[in-house]
Amino acid sequence: MRPHLPLGLLAAALSLALAGNAGAQQHDHGAHATPAQQKPVAPPVEPANTDHSRMDRSQMDDKKVDHSQMDHSKMDHAKTDDSPMDHSQMDHSNMDHGSASQAPTEPREPIPAVSDADRAAAFPPIKPHAMEHAPAFNSLVMINRLEGWDADHGTGQAWEGSAWFGSDLNRLWLRSEGEREGSRTESSELEVLYGRSISPWWDVVAGVKQDFRPADSRTWAAFGVQGLAPYKFEMSATAYLGESGQVMATVEAEYELLLTNRLILQPLVEASFSSKDVPEYGEGTGLNKVEAGLRLRYEINRRFAPYVGVVHERLFGETADYRRGEGGDVTDTRFVAGIRFWF
């Protein structure tokens, strides 16, 4: 006969068996749970005072990426954040440029100031014996104009020249000019003057002048100045004192304009004045005559140059009246051709 267990003890054992079964099932389901059902695990926090310089990176299992196997053509570079910077939209006014290093304003090796010894070495005095070898006597003969033109009565010729002999301070000057038309000499004169240099550019002259034409010969005492005015104008002004207190004067100015080193344009103006009427010579009081010329020459060499030009001459006052009384013209314009040379 089987003994009988109490009912209360049997109920307690059954409840314990059911509770153990449920716990085993829950444990089995937790092992196979999906990542979404699992609770996230927080990463380990790195201490703030970790010294990365002492870490042994050789032991780290870093996988190297082989970029050569990547297909860059399929990448959308337009959506990346590494687009070029637009500097035009940046406000440079707030940037501190003063902190940048400035370029040095002084040379590394400053140039020393020029001393008196440096100037003396650059411009040594001329030795006396070098000056002794320079010739004390010099000379120059210049035929400034030797020209011809087509005149009413045949051909016309004119000349004008000068020469000097002496030193830089004292010279003997010879000056001559004249005109011929056909076979008749219209005017001819010769001056013999002593010249003394008063500056590097100017001389004073004094001497005598002899007129051979027109009419009878006349002798004048002459004195004046000649030289190079500012802006390289060659000037001469001479006064002549004749018999019976007759005074005449001539003023001449010319300029040389270099178009090239050999092609030179030379304008010239000459005027003459008289203090008295001299009918036998066709001279009136005041301004007698003005001659203006423009000549273009080509220097084949410095000593010889042919030229062409135009000359205009006009008489004034009583001198013009005397010319009209003789049946002549008071104005004359002519085209000339000639040569200029010196030696």
C-alpha atoms as a PDB file:
ATOM      1  CA  MET A   1       0.000   0.000   0.000  1.00  0.00           C
ATOM      2  CA  ARG A   2       1.565   3.427  -1.146  1.00  0.00           C
ATOM      3  CA  PRO A   3       1.757   6.064   1.523  1.00  0.00           C
ATOM      4  CA  HIS A   4      -0.154   9.333   0.860  1.00  0.00           C
ATOM      5  CA  LEU A   5       1.710  12.826   0.837  1.00  0.00           C
ATOM      6  CA  PRO A   6       0.065  15.859   2.248  1.00  0.00           C
ATOM      7  CA  LEU A   7      -1.530  18.212  -0.351  1.00  0.00           C
ATOM      8  CA  GLY A   8       0.285  21.397   0.831  1.00  0.00           C
ATOM      9  CA  LEU A   9       3.697  19.843   0.373  1.00  0.00           C
ATOM     10  CA  LEU A  10       2.828  18.692  -3.120  1.00  0.00           C
ATOM     11  CA  ALA A  11       1.665  22.177  -4.235  1.00  0.00           C
ATOM     12  CA  ALA A  12       4.894  23.806  -3.011  1.00  0.00           C
ATOM     13  CA  ALA A  13       7.111  21.402  -4.962  1.00  0.00           C
ATOM     14  CA  LEU A  14       5.142  21.964  -8.154  1.00  0.00           C
ATOM     15  CA  SER A  15       5.507  25.779  -7.973  1.00  0.00           C
ATOM     16  CA  LEU A  16       9.281  25.524  -7.463  1.00  0.00           C
ATOM     17  CA  ALA A  17       9.630  23.326 -10.541  1.00  0.00           C
ATOM     18  CA  LEU A  18       7.677  25.745 -12.731  1.00  0.00           C
ATOM     19  CA  ALA A  19       9.789  28.774 -11.550  1.00  0.00           C
ATOM     20  CA  GLY A  20      13.073  27.075 -12.407  1.00  0.00           C
ATOM     21  CA  ASN A  21      11.855  26.214 -15.933  1.00  0.00           C
ATOM     22  CA  ALA A  22      10.904  29.855 -16.653  1.00  0.00           C
ATOM     23  CA  GLY A  23      14.326  31.173 -15.529  1.00  0.00           C
ATOM     24  CA  ALA A  24      16.122  28.758 -17.832  1.00  0.00           C
ATOM     25  CA  GLN A  25      14.031  29.873 -20.811  1.00  0.00           C
ATOM     26  CA  GLN A  26      14.700  33.562 -20.087  1.00  0.00           C
ATOM     27  CA  HIS A  27      18.433  32.922 -19.932  1.00  0.00           C
ATOM     28  CA  ASP A  28      18.350  31.085 -23.244  1.00  0.00           C
ATOM     29  CA  HIS A  29      16.456  33.902 -24.998  1.00  0.00           C
ATOM     30  CA  GLY A  30      18.896  36.556 -23.686  1.00  0.00           C
ATOM     31  CA  ALA A  31      21.882  34.778 -25.226  1.00  0.00           C
ATOM     32  CA  HIS A  32      20.297  34.931 -28.724  1.00  0.00           C
ATOM     33  CA  ALA A  33      18.921  38.510 -28.521  1.00  0.00           C
ATOM     34  CA  THR A  34      19.475  40.889 -31.482  1.00  0.00           C
ATOM     35  CA  PRO A  35      21.778  43.927 -31.169  1.00  0.00           C
ATOM     36  CA  ALA A  36      18.709  46.197 -31.115  1.00  0.00           C
ATOM     37  CA  GLN A  37      17.324  44.274 -28.101  1.00  0.00           C
ATOM     38  CA  GLN A  38      20.648  44.373 -26.262  1.00  0.00           C
ATOM     39  CA  LYS A  39      21.480  47.285 -23.998  1.00  0.00           C
ATOM     40  CA  PRO A  40      24.285  49.553 -25.371  1.00  0.00           C
ATOM     41  CA  VAL A  41      27.524  49.212 -23.563  1.00  0.00           C
ATOM     42  CA  ALA A  42      29.351  52.526 -22.828  1.00  0.00           C
ATOM     43  CA  PRO A  43      32.977  52.672 -24.147  1.00  0.00           C
ATOM     44  CA  PRO A  44      35.732  52.810 -21.635  1.00  0.00           C
ATOM     45  CA  VAL A  45      36.623  56.348 -20.597  1.00  0.00           C
ATOM     46  CA  GLU A  46      40.243  57.301 -21.266  1.00  0.00           C
ATOM     47  CA  PRO A  47      41.895  59.156 -18.443  1.00  0.00           C
ATOM     48  CA  ALA A  48      42.498  62.839 -19.112  1.00  0.00           C
ATOM     49  CA  ASN A  49      46.192  62.620 -18.317  1.00  0.00           C
ATOM     50  CA  THR A  50      46.967  59.867 -20.842  1.00  0.00           C
ATOM     51  CA  ASP A  51      50.399  60.466 -22.473  1.00  0.00           C
ATOM     52  CA  HIS A  52      50.058  59.447 -26.117  1.00  0.00           C
ATOM     53  CA  SER A  53      53.744  60.054 -26.789  1.00  0.00           C
ATOM     54  CA  ARG A  54      54.608  56.970 -24.727  1.00  0.00           C
ATOM     55  CA  MET A  55      52.135  54.662 -26.401  1.00  0.00           C
ATOM     56  CA  ASP A  56      53.589  51.768 -28.438  1.00  0.00           C
ATOM     57  CA  ARG A  57      51.751  52.152 -31.693  1.00  0.00           C
ATOM     58  CA  SER A  58      53.640  49.245 -33.237  1.00  0.00           C
ATOM     59  CA  GLN A  59      51.447  46.899 -31.251  1.00  0.00           C
ATOM     60  CA  MET A  60      48.223  48.460 -32.479  1.00  0.00           C
ATOM     61  CA  ASP A  61      46.316  46.385 -35.010  1.00  0.00           C
ATOM     62  CA  ASP A  62      45.645  49.104 -37.575  1.00  0.00           C
ATOM     63  CA  LYS A  63      44.462  47.911 -40.919  1.00  0.00           C
ATOM     64  CA  LYS A  64      46.068  49.784 -43.777  1.00  0.00           C
ATOM     65  CA  VAL A  65      43.783  51.074 -46.496  1.00  0.00           C
ATOM     66  CA  ASP A  66      44.962  50.472 -50.076  1.00  0.00           C
ATOM     67  CA  HIS A  67      43.821  53.633 -51.937  1.00  0.00           C
ATOM     68  CA  SER A  68      45.080  52.281 -55.257  1.00  0.00           C
ATOM     69  CA  GLN A  69      42.179  49.768 -55.287  1.00  0.00           C
ATOM     70  CA  MET A  70      39.568  52.465 -54.683  1.00  0.00           C
ATOM     71  CA  ASP A  71      37.452  53.776 -57.598  1.00  0.00           C
ATOM     72  CA  HIS A  72      37.596  57.532 -57.138  1.00  0.00           C
ATOM     73  CA  SER A  73      35.520  58.172 -60.268  1.00  0.00           C
ATOM     74  CA  LYS A  74      32.383  57.031 -58.424  1.00  0.00           C
ATOM     75  CA  MET A  75      32.912  59.336 -55.480  1.00  0.00           C
ATOM     76  CA  ASP A  76      30.799  62.479 -55.281  1.00  0.00           C
ATOM     77  CA  HIS A  77      33.369  65.154 -54.597  1.00  0.00           C
ATOM     78  CA  ALA A  78      30.780  67.910 -54.869  1.00  0.00           C
ATOM     79  CA  LYS A  79      29.201  66.791 -51.570  1.00  0.00           C
ATOM     80  CA  THR A  80      32.395  66.824 -49.586  1.00  0.00           C
ATOM     81  CA  ASP A  81      33.121  69.555 -47.107  1.00  0.00           C
ATOM     82  CA  ASP A  82      36.675  70.090 -48.427  1.00  0.00           C
ATOM     83  CA  SER A  83      35.647  72.774 -50.979  1.00  0.00           C
ATOM     84  CA  PRO A  84      38.104  75.608 -51.779  1.00  0.00           C
ATOM     85  CA  MET A  85      37.990  78.595 -49.477  1.00  0.00           C
ATOM     86  CA  ASP A  86      36.622  81.849 -50.918  1.00  0.00           C
ATOM     87  CA  HIS A  87      39.129  84.436 -49.650  1.00  0.00           C
ATOM     88  CA  SER A  88      37.164  87.294 -51.246  1.00  0.00           C
ATOM     89  CA  GLN A  89      34.460  86.831 -48.576  1.00  0.00           C
ATOM     90  CA  MET A  90      36.911  86.891 -45.693  1.00  0.00           C
ATOM     91  CA  ASP A  91      37.307  90.012 -43.564  1.00  0.00           C
ATOM     92  CA  HIS A  92      41.044  90.633 -43.591  1.00  0.00           C
ATOM     93  CA  SER A  93      40.681  93.874 -41.649  1.00  0.00           C
ATOM     94  CA  ASN A  94      40.384  91.935 -38.391  1.00  0.00           C
ATOM     95  CA  MET A  95      43.499  89.895 -38.999  1.00  0.00           C
ATOM     96  CA  ASP A  96      46.606  90.814 -37.031  1.00  0.00           C
ATOM     97  CA  HIS A  97      49.190  91.356 -39.737  1.00  0.00           C
ATOM     98  CA  GLY A  98      51.502  93.146 -37.348  1.00  0.00           C
ATOM     99  CA  SER A  99      52.564  89.919 -35.772  1.00  0.00           C
ATOM    100  CA  ALA A 100      54.196  88.747 -38.999  1.00  0.00           C
ATOM    101  CA  SER A 101      57.902  89.351 -39.362  1.00  0.00           C
ATOM    102  CA  GLN A 102      58.690  92.581 -41.193  1.00  0.00           C
ATOM    103  CA  ALA A 103      61.275  92.814 -43.985  1.00  0.00           C
ATOM    104  CA  PRO A 104      64.418  94.628 -42.882  1.00  0.00           C
ATOM    105  CA  THR A 105      64.595  98.251 -44.031  1.00  0.00           C
ATOM    106  CA  GLU A 106      68.321  98.656 -43.527  1.00  0.00           C
ATOM    107  CA  PRO A 107      70.910  96.805 -45.661  1.00  0.00           C
ATOM    108  CA  ARG A 108      72.899  94.111 -43.976  1.00  0.00           C
ATOM    109  CA  GLU A 109      76.068  96.009 -44.821  1.00  0.00           C
ATOM    110  CA  PRO A 110      75.324  99.785 -44.742  1.00  0.00           C
ATOM    111  CA  ILE A 111      77.093 101.872 -47.403  1.00  0.00           C
ATOM    112  CA  PRO A 112      79.604 104.136 -45.694  1.00  0.00           C
ATOM    113  CA  ALA A 113      79.337 107.903 -46.186  1.00  0.00           C
ATOM    114  CA  VAL A 114      81.556 109.500 -48.821  1.00  0.00           C
ATOM    115  CA  SER A 115      84.562 111.141 -47.197  1.00  0.00           C
ATOM    116  CA  ASP A 116      86.913 113.868 -48.399  1.00  0.00           C
ATOM    117  CA  ALA A 117      89.545 111.213 -49.062  1.00  0.00           C
ATOM    118  CA  ASP A 118      87.126 109.387 -51.389  1.00  0.00           C
ATOM    119  CA  ARG A 119      86.427 112.591 -53.332  1.00  0.00           C
ATOM    120  CA  ALA A 120      90.129 113.347 -53.631  1.00  0.00           C
ATOM    121  CA  ALA A 121      90.775 109.857 -54.981  1.00  0.00           C
ATOM    122  CA  ALA A 122      87.945 110.133 -57.525  1.00  0.00           C
ATOM    123  CA  PHE A 123      89.001 113.582 -58.796  1.00  0.00           C
ATOM    124  CA  PRO A 124      92.757 113.844 -58.605  1.00  0.00           C
ATOM    125  CA  PRO A 125      94.297 117.233 -59.443  1.00  0.00           C
ATOM    126  CA  ILE A 126      95.727 117.699 -62.916  1.00  0.00           C
ATOM    127  CA  LYS A 127      99.463 117.339 -62.881  1.00  0.00           C
ATOM    128  CA  PRO A 128     101.363 120.446 -64.002  1.00  0.00           C
ATOM    129  CA  HIS A 129     103.502 118.553 -66.506  1.00  0.00           C
ATOM    130  CA  ALA A 130     100.346 117.280 -68.276  1.00  0.00           C
ATOM    131  CA  MET A 131      99.354 120.886 -68.995  1.00  0.00           C
ATOM    132  CA  GLU A 132     102.787 121.745 -70.301  1.00  0.00           C
ATOM    133  CA  HIS A 133     102.412 119.274 -73.157  1.00  0.00           C
ATOM    134  CA  ALA A 134      99.261 121.000 -74.502  1.00  0.00           C
ATOM    135  CA  PRO A 135     100.102 123.229 -77.474  1.00  0.00           C
ATOM    136  CA  ALA A 136     100.166 126.923 -76.565  1.00  0.00           C
ATOM    137  CA  PHE A 137      99.314 128.016 -80.102  1.00  0.00           C
ATOM    138  CA  ASN A 138      96.203 126.824 -81.957  1.00  0.00           C
ATOM    139  CA  SER A 139      94.281 127.831 -85.056  1.00  0.00           C
ATOM    140  CA  LEU A 140      90.974 127.217 -86.811  1.00  0.00           C
ATOM    141  CA  VAL A 141      89.683 128.272 -90.239  1.00  0.00           C
ATOM    142  CA  MET A 142      85.921 127.953 -90.708  1.00  0.00           C
ATOM    143  CA  ILE A 143      84.102 128.652 -93.997  1.00  0.00           C
ATOM    144  CA  ASN A 144      80.611 128.726 -92.604  1.00  0.00           C
ATOM    145  CA  ARG A 145      78.851 129.490 -95.910  1.00  0.00           C
ATOM    146  CA  LEU A 146      80.025 129.131 -99.486  1.00  0.00           C
ATOM    147  CA  GLU A 147      76.842 129.018-101.549  1.00  0.00           C
ATOM    148  CA  GLY A 148      75.217 129.869-104.848  1.00  0.00           C
ATOM    149  CA  TRP A 149      71.710 130.517-106.199  1.00  0.00           C
ATOM    150  CA  ASP A 150      69.870 131.355-109.386  1.00  0.00           C
ATOM    151  CA  ALA A 151      69.724 135.187-109.600  1.00  0.00           C
ATOM    152  CA  ASP A 152      67.932 137.529-112.007  1.00  0.00           C
ATOM    153  CA  HIS A 153      71.161 138.435-113.772  1.00  0.00           C
ATOM    154  CA  GLY A 154      72.902 135.093-113.960  1.00  0.00           C
ATOM    155  CA  THR A 155      74.007 133.266-110.849  1.00  0.00           C
ATOM    156  CA  GLY A 156      74.692 134.625-107.388  1.00  0.00           C
ATOM    157  CA  GLN A 157      77.383 133.638-104.930  1.00  0.00           C
ATOM    158  CA  ALA A 158      77.965 134.455-101.269  1.00  0.00           C
ATOM    159  CA  TRP A 159      80.565 133.614 -98.660  1.00  0.00           C
ATOM    160  CA  GLU A 160      80.960 134.036 -94.944  1.00  0.00           C
ATOM    161  CA  GLY A 161      83.834 132.728 -92.845  1.00  0.00           C
ATOM    162  CA  SER A 162      86.146 133.329 -89.934  1.00  0.00           C
ATOM    163  CA  ALA A 163      89.534 132.226 -88.637  1.00  0.00           C
ATOM    164  CA  TRP A 164      91.426 132.580 -85.391  1.00  0.00           C
ATOM    165  CA  PHE A 165      95.034 132.032 -84.338  1.00  0.00           C
ATOM    166  CA  GLY A 166      96.428 132.059 -80.817  1.00  0.00           C
ATOM    167  CA  SER A 167      95.886 130.605 -77.354  1.00  0.00           C
ATOM    168  CA  ASP A 168      92.808 130.021 -75.257  1.00  0.00           C
ATOM    169  CA  LEU A 169      92.960 133.556 -73.839  1.00  0.00           C
ATOM    170  CA  ASN A 170      94.378 135.700 -76.635  1.00  0.00           C
ATOM    171  CA  ARG A 171      93.544 135.310 -80.314  1.00  0.00           C
ATOM    172  CA  LEU A 172      93.795 137.058 -83.631  1.00  0.00           C
ATOM    173  CA  TRP A 173      90.447 136.949 -85.439  1.00  0.00           C
ATOM    174  CA  LEU A 174      89.785 137.305 -89.168  1.00  0.00           C
ATOM    175  CA  ARG A 175      86.194 137.644 -90.401  1.00  0.00           C
ATOM    176  CA  SER A 176      84.978 138.144 -93.945  1.00  0.00           C
ATOM    177  CA  GLU A 177      81.725 138.043 -95.924  1.00  0.00           C
ATOM    178  CA  GLY A 178      80.380 139.269 -99.241  1.00  0.00           C
ATOM    179  CA  GLU A 179      78.080 138.721-102.231  1.00  0.00           C
ATOM    180  CA  ARG A 180      78.413 138.607-105.985  1.00  0.00           C
ATOM    181  CA  GLU A 181      75.725 138.614-108.643  1.00  0.00           C
ATOM    182  CA  GLY A 182      76.648 137.868-112.202  1.00  0.00           C
ATOM    183  CA  SER A 183      80.078 139.377-112.691  1.00  0.00           C
ATOM    184  CA  ARG A 184      79.622 142.227-110.197  1.00  0.00           C
ATOM    185  CA  THR A 185      80.593 142.268-106.537  1.00  0.00           C
ATOM    186  CA  GLU A 186      77.713 143.694-104.509  1.00  0.00           C
ATOM    187  CA  SER A 187      79.462 143.772-101.139  1.00  0.00           C
ATOM    188  CA  SER A 188      82.765 142.680 -99.637  1.00  0.00           C
ATOM    189  CA  GLU A 189      84.339 143.276 -96.232  1.00  0.00           C
ATOM    190  CA  LEU A 190      87.208 142.061 -94.069  1.00  0.00           C
ATOM    191  CA  GLU A 191      87.724 142.423 -90.308  1.00  0.00           C
ATOM    192  CA  VAL A 192      90.960 142.004 -88.365  1.00  0.00           C
ATOM    193  CA  LEU A 193      90.309 141.815 -84.619  1.00  0.00           C
ATOM    194  CA  TYR A 194      92.077 141.051 -81.390  1.00  0.00           C
ATOM    195  CA  GLY A 195      90.054 138.780 -79.090  1.00  0.00           C
ATOM    196  CA  ARG A 196      90.378 138.335 -75.347  1.00  0.00           C
ATOM    197  CA  SER A 197      88.513 135.638 -73.440  1.00  0.00           C
ATOM    198  CA  ILE A 198      86.507 137.045 -70.521  1.00  0.00           C
ATOM    199  CA  SER A 199      84.717 133.784 -69.608  1.00  0.00           C
ATOM    200  CA  PRO A 200      84.666 130.177 -70.811  1.00  0.00           C
ATOM    201  CA  TRP A 201      81.960 131.152 -73.330  1.00  0.00           C
ATOM    202  CA  TRP A 202      82.523 134.804 -74.292  1.00  0.00           C
ATOM    203  CA  ASP A 203      85.213 136.915 -75.970  1.00  0.00           C
ATOM    204  CA  VAL A 204      85.544 140.649 -76.413  1.00  0.00           C
ATOM    205  CA  VAL A 205      86.994 141.783 -79.732  1.00  0.00           C
ATOM    206  CA  ALA A 206      88.460 145.042 -81.013  1.00  0.00           C
ATOM    207  CA  GLY A 207      90.138 145.953 -84.279  1.00  0.00           C
ATOM    208  CA  VAL A 208      89.450 147.352 -87.746  1.00  0.00           C
ATOM    209  CA  LYS A 209      87.044 146.650 -90.573  1.00  0.00           C
ATOM    210  CA  GLN A 210      87.572 147.387 -94.259  1.00  0.00           C
ATOM    211  CA  ASP A 211      84.685 147.707 -96.750  1.00  0.00           C
ATOM    212  CA  PHE A 212      85.692 147.130-100.387  1.00  0.00           C
ATOM    213  CA  ARG A 213      82.210 147.331-101.895  1.00  0.00           C
ATOM    214  CA  PRO A 214      79.837 148.986-102.630  1.00  0.00           C
ATOM    215  CA  ALA A 215      81.196 152.335-103.799  1.00  0.00           C
ATOM    216  CA  ASP A 216      84.536 153.443-102.414  1.00  0.00           C
ATOM    217  CA  SER A 217      86.376 151.614 -99.682  1.00  0.00           C
ATOM    218  CA  ARG A 218      85.732 152.608 -96.059  1.00  0.00           C
ATOM    219  CA  THR A 219      87.629 151.875 -92.874  1.00  0.00           C
ATOM    220  CA  TRP A 220      85.953 151.388 -89.494  1.00  0.00           C
ATOM    221  CA  ALA A 221      87.085 150.921 -85.935  1.00  0.00           C
ATOM    222  CA  ALA A 222      85.353 147.847 -84.580  1.00  0.00           C
ATOM    223  CA  PHE A 223      84.633 146.502 -81.115  1.00  0.00           C
ATOM    224  CA  GLY A 224      82.130 143.987 -79.801  1.00  0.00           C
ATOM    225  CA  VAL A 225      81.435 140.657 -78.123  1.00  0.00           C
ATOM    226  CA  GLN A 226      80.926 137.130 -79.409  1.00  0.00           C
ATOM    227  CA  GLY A 227      80.311 133.752 -77.859  1.00  0.00           C
ATOM    228  CA  LEU A 228      77.809 131.101 -76.860  1.00  0.00           C
ATOM    229  CA  ALA A 229      74.607 132.331 -75.194  1.00  0.00           C
ATOM    230  CA  PRO A 230      72.352 130.163 -72.988  1.00  0.00           C
ATOM    231  CA  TYR A 231      70.562 127.339 -74.835  1.00  0.00           C
ATOM    232  CA  LYS A 232      73.591 127.165 -77.221  1.00  0.00           C
ATOM    233  CA  PHE A 233      72.808 130.188 -79.370  1.00  0.00           C
ATOM    234  CA  GLU A 234      75.923 131.480 -81.117  1.00  0.00           C
ATOM    235  CA  MET A 235      75.802 135.265 -80.845  1.00  0.00           C
ATOM    236  CA  SER A 236      77.892 138.190 -82.052  1.00  0.00           C
ATOM    237  CA  ALA A 237      77.288 141.918 -81.707  1.00  0.00           C
ATOM    238  CA  THR A 238      79.755 144.407 -83.211  1.00  0.00           C
ATOM    239  CA  ALA A 239      79.710 148.190 -83.439  1.00  0.00           C
ATOM    240  CA  TYR A 240      81.663 150.144 -86.075  1.00  0.00           C
ATOM    241  CA  LEU A 241      82.800 153.738 -85.815  1.00  0.00           C
ATOM    242  CA  GLY A 242      83.544 155.447 -89.147  1.00  0.00           C
ATOM    243  CA  GLU A 243      84.427 158.846 -90.502  1.00  0.00           C
ATOM    244  CA  SER A 244      82.404 161.923 -89.472  1.00  0.00           C
ATOM    245  CA  GLY A 245      80.945 160.073 -86.501  1.00  0.00           C
ATOM    246  CA  GLN A 246      79.122 157.499 -88.574  1.00  0.00           C
ATOM    247  CA  VAL A 247      78.158 154.508 -86.433  1.00  0.00           C
ATOM    248  CA  MET A 248      76.903 151.169 -87.679  1.00  0.00           C
ATOM    249  CA  ALA A 249      76.176 147.927 -85.859  1.00  0.00           C
ATOM    250  CA  THR A 250      75.401 144.339 -86.766  1.00  0.00           C
ATOM    251  CA  VAL A 251      73.832 141.631 -84.598  1.00  0.00           C
ATOM    252  CA  GLU A 252      73.880 137.979 -85.631  1.00  0.00           C
ATOM    253  CA  ALA A 253      72.418 134.859 -83.986  1.00  0.00           C
ATOM    254  CA  GLU A 254      72.434 131.261 -85.181  1.00  0.00           C
ATOM    255  CA  TYR A 255      71.519 127.911 -83.743  1.00  0.00           C
ATOM    256  CA  GLU A 256      72.343 124.303 -84.643  1.00  0.00           C
ATOM    257  CA  LEU A 257      69.546 121.770 -84.220  1.00  0.00           C
ATOM    258  CA  LEU A 258      70.748 118.163 -84.465  1.00  0.00           C
ATOM    259  CA  LEU A 259      68.098 116.086 -86.233  1.00  0.00           C
ATOM    260  CA  THR A 260      70.561 113.182 -86.248  1.00  0.00           C
ATOM    261  CA  ASN A 261      74.266 112.949 -85.521  1.00  0.00           C
ATOM    262  CA  ARG A 262      75.008 114.048 -89.106  1.00  0.00           C
ATOM    263  CA  LEU A 263      71.849 115.871 -90.259  1.00  0.00           C
ATOM    264  CA  ILE A 264      71.803 119.396 -88.796  1.00  0.00           C
ATOM    265  CA  LEU A 265      69.315 122.238 -89.244  1.00  0.00           C
ATOM    266  CA  GLN A 266      70.804 125.717 -88.850  1.00  0.00           C
ATOM    267  CA  PRO A 267      68.573 128.815 -88.579  1.00  0.00           C
ATOM    268  CA  LEU A 268      70.265 132.243 -88.757  1.00  0.00           C
ATOM    269  CA  VAL A 269      69.134 135.847 -88.287  1.00  0.00           C
ATOM    270  CA  GLU A 270      71.251 138.943 -88.995  1.00  0.00           C
ATOM    271  CA  ALA A 271      70.284 142.603 -88.642  1.00  0.00           C
ATOM    272  CA  SER A 272      72.199 145.835 -89.383  1.00  0.00           C
ATOM    273  CA  PHE A 273      71.668 149.381 -88.102  1.00  0.00           C
ATOM    274  CA  SER A 274      72.983 152.838 -89.051  1.00  0.00           C
ATOM    275  CA  SER A 275      73.097 156.123 -87.167  1.00  0.00           C
ATOM    276  CA  LYS A 276      73.148 158.405 -90.260  1.00  0.00           C
ATOM    277  CA  ASP A 277      71.941 158.604 -93.845  1.00  0.00           C
ATOM    278  CA  VAL A 278      74.636 157.851 -96.374  1.00  0.00           C
ATOM    279  CA  PRO A 279      72.953 158.060 -99.840  1.00  0.00           C
ATOM    280  CA  GLU A 280      76.078 157.200-101.799  1.00  0.00           C
ATOM    281  CA  TYR A 281      76.174 153.857-100.053  1.00  0.00           C
ATOM    282  CA  GLY A 282      72.389 153.419-100.028  1.00  0.00           C
ATOM    283  CA  GLU A 283      72.198 153.421 -96.218  1.00  0.00           C
ATOM    284  CA  GLY A 284      69.447 155.075 -94.182  1.00  0.00           C
ATOM    285  CA  THR A 285      69.002 155.850 -90.502  1.00  0.00           C
ATOM    286  CA  GLY A 286      67.816 153.127 -88.166  1.00  0.00           C
ATOM    287  CA  LEU A 287      67.228 149.517 -89.109  1.00  0.00           C
ATOM    288  CA  ASN A 288      68.635 148.934 -92.568  1.00  0.00           C
ATOM    289  CA  LYS A 289      68.375 145.249 -93.369  1.00  0.00           C
ATOM    290  CA  VAL A 290      67.276 141.918 -91.850  1.00  0.00           C
ATOM    291  CA  GLU A 291      68.357 138.593 -93.301  1.00  0.00           C
ATOM    292  CA  ALA A 292      66.887 135.270 -92.147  1.00  0.00           C
ATOM    293  CA  GLY A 293      68.101 131.900 -93.374  1.00  0.00           C
ATOM    294  CA  LEU A 294      67.375 128.241 -92.791  1.00  0.00           C
ATOM    295  CA  ARG A 295      69.959 125.701 -93.951  1.00  0.00           C
ATOM    296  CA  LEU A 296      69.959 121.924 -93.708  1.00  0.00           C
ATOM    297  CA  ARG A 297      73.365 120.283 -93.942  1.00  0.00           C
ATOM    298  CA  TYR A 298      74.642 116.740 -93.911  1.00  0.00           C
ATOM    299  CA  GLU A 299      78.067 116.186 -92.409  1.00  0.00           C
ATOM    300  CA  ILE A 300      79.855 113.600 -94.523  1.00  0.00           C
ATOM    301  CA  ASN A 301      82.523 113.985 -91.908  1.00  0.00           C
ATOM    302  CA  ARG A 302      82.961 116.610 -89.215  1.00  0.00           C
ATOM    303  CA  ARG A 303      85.085 118.801 -91.472  1.00  0.00           C
ATOM    304  CA  PHE A 304      82.975 118.807 -94.625  1.00  0.00           C
ATOM    305  CA  ALA A 305      79.197 119.182 -95.070  1.00  0.00           C
ATOM    306  CA  PRO A 306      77.070 120.105 -98.117  1.00  0.00           C
ATOM    307  CA  TYR A 307      73.778 121.888 -97.441  1.00  0.00           C
ATOM    308  CA  VAL A 308      70.625 123.315 -99.007  1.00  0.00           C
ATOM    309  CA  GLY A 309      68.498 126.144 -97.675  1.00  0.00           C
ATOM    310  CA  VAL A 310      66.311 129.169 -98.157  1.00  0.00           C
ATOM    311  CA  VAL A 311      67.233 132.813 -97.437  1.00  0.00           C
ATOM    312  CA  HIS A 312      64.917 135.813 -97.125  1.00  0.00           C
ATOM    313  CA  GLU A 313      66.229 139.396 -97.134  1.00  0.00           C
ATOM    314  CA  ARG A 314      64.304 142.598 -96.525  1.00  0.00           C
ATOM    315  CA  LEU A 315      65.273 146.299 -96.478  1.00  0.00           C
ATOM    316  CA  PHE A 316      63.669 148.858 -94.170  1.00  0.00           C
ATOM    317  CA  GLY A 317      63.243 152.624 -93.857  1.00  0.00           C
ATOM    318  CA  GLU A 318      65.238 154.975 -96.026  1.00  0.00           C
ATOM    319  CA  THR A 319      67.471 152.132 -97.141  1.00  0.00           C
ATOM    320  CA  ALA A 320      64.437 150.584 -98.836  1.00  0.00           C
ATOM    321  CA  ASP A 321      63.632 153.962-100.457  1.00  0.00           C
ATOM    322  CA  TYR A 322      67.126 154.198-101.906  1.00  0.00           C
ATOM    323  CA  ARG A 323      66.783 150.694-103.352  1.00  0.00           C
ATOM    324  CA  ARG A 324      63.437 151.526-104.951  1.00  0.00           C
ATOM    325  CA  GLY A 325      64.945 154.672-106.488  1.00  0.00           C
ATOM    326  CA  GLU A 326      67.561 152.498-108.167  1.00  0.00           C
ATOM    327  CA  GLY A 327      64.861 150.204-109.563  1.00  0.00           C
ATOM    328  CA  GLY A 328      65.678 147.302-107.258  1.00  0.00           C
ATOM    329  CA  ASP A 329      63.543 145.130-104.985  1.00  0.00           C
ATOM    330  CA  VAL A 330      63.331 145.658-101.241  1.00  0.00           C
ATOM    331  CA  THR A 331      62.654 141.958-100.587  1.00  0.00           C
ATOM    332  CA  ASP A 332      64.463 138.927-101.937  1.00  0.00           C
ATOM    333  CA  THR A 333      63.859 135.222-101.334  1.00  0.00           C
ATOM    334  CA  ARG A 334      66.222 132.662-102.790  1.00  0.00           C
ATOM    335  CA  PHE A 335      66.981 128.966-102.542  1.00  0.00           C
ATOM    336  CA  VAL A 336      70.638 128.237-102.013  1.00  0.00           C
ATOM    337  CA  ALA A 337      72.988 125.281-102.069  1.00  0.00           C
ATOM    338  CA  GLY A 338      76.530 125.229-100.782  1.00  0.00           C
ATOM    339  CA  ILE A 339      79.174 123.635 -98.636  1.00  0.00           C
ATOM    340  CA  ARG A 340      80.535 124.193 -95.149  1.00  0.00           C
ATOM    341  CA  PHE A 341      84.033 123.105 -94.161  1.00  0.00           C
ATOM    342  CA  TRP A 342      86.795 123.820 -91.680  1.00  0.00           C
ATOM    343  CA  PHE A 343      90.436 122.933 -91.119  1.00  0.00           C
END
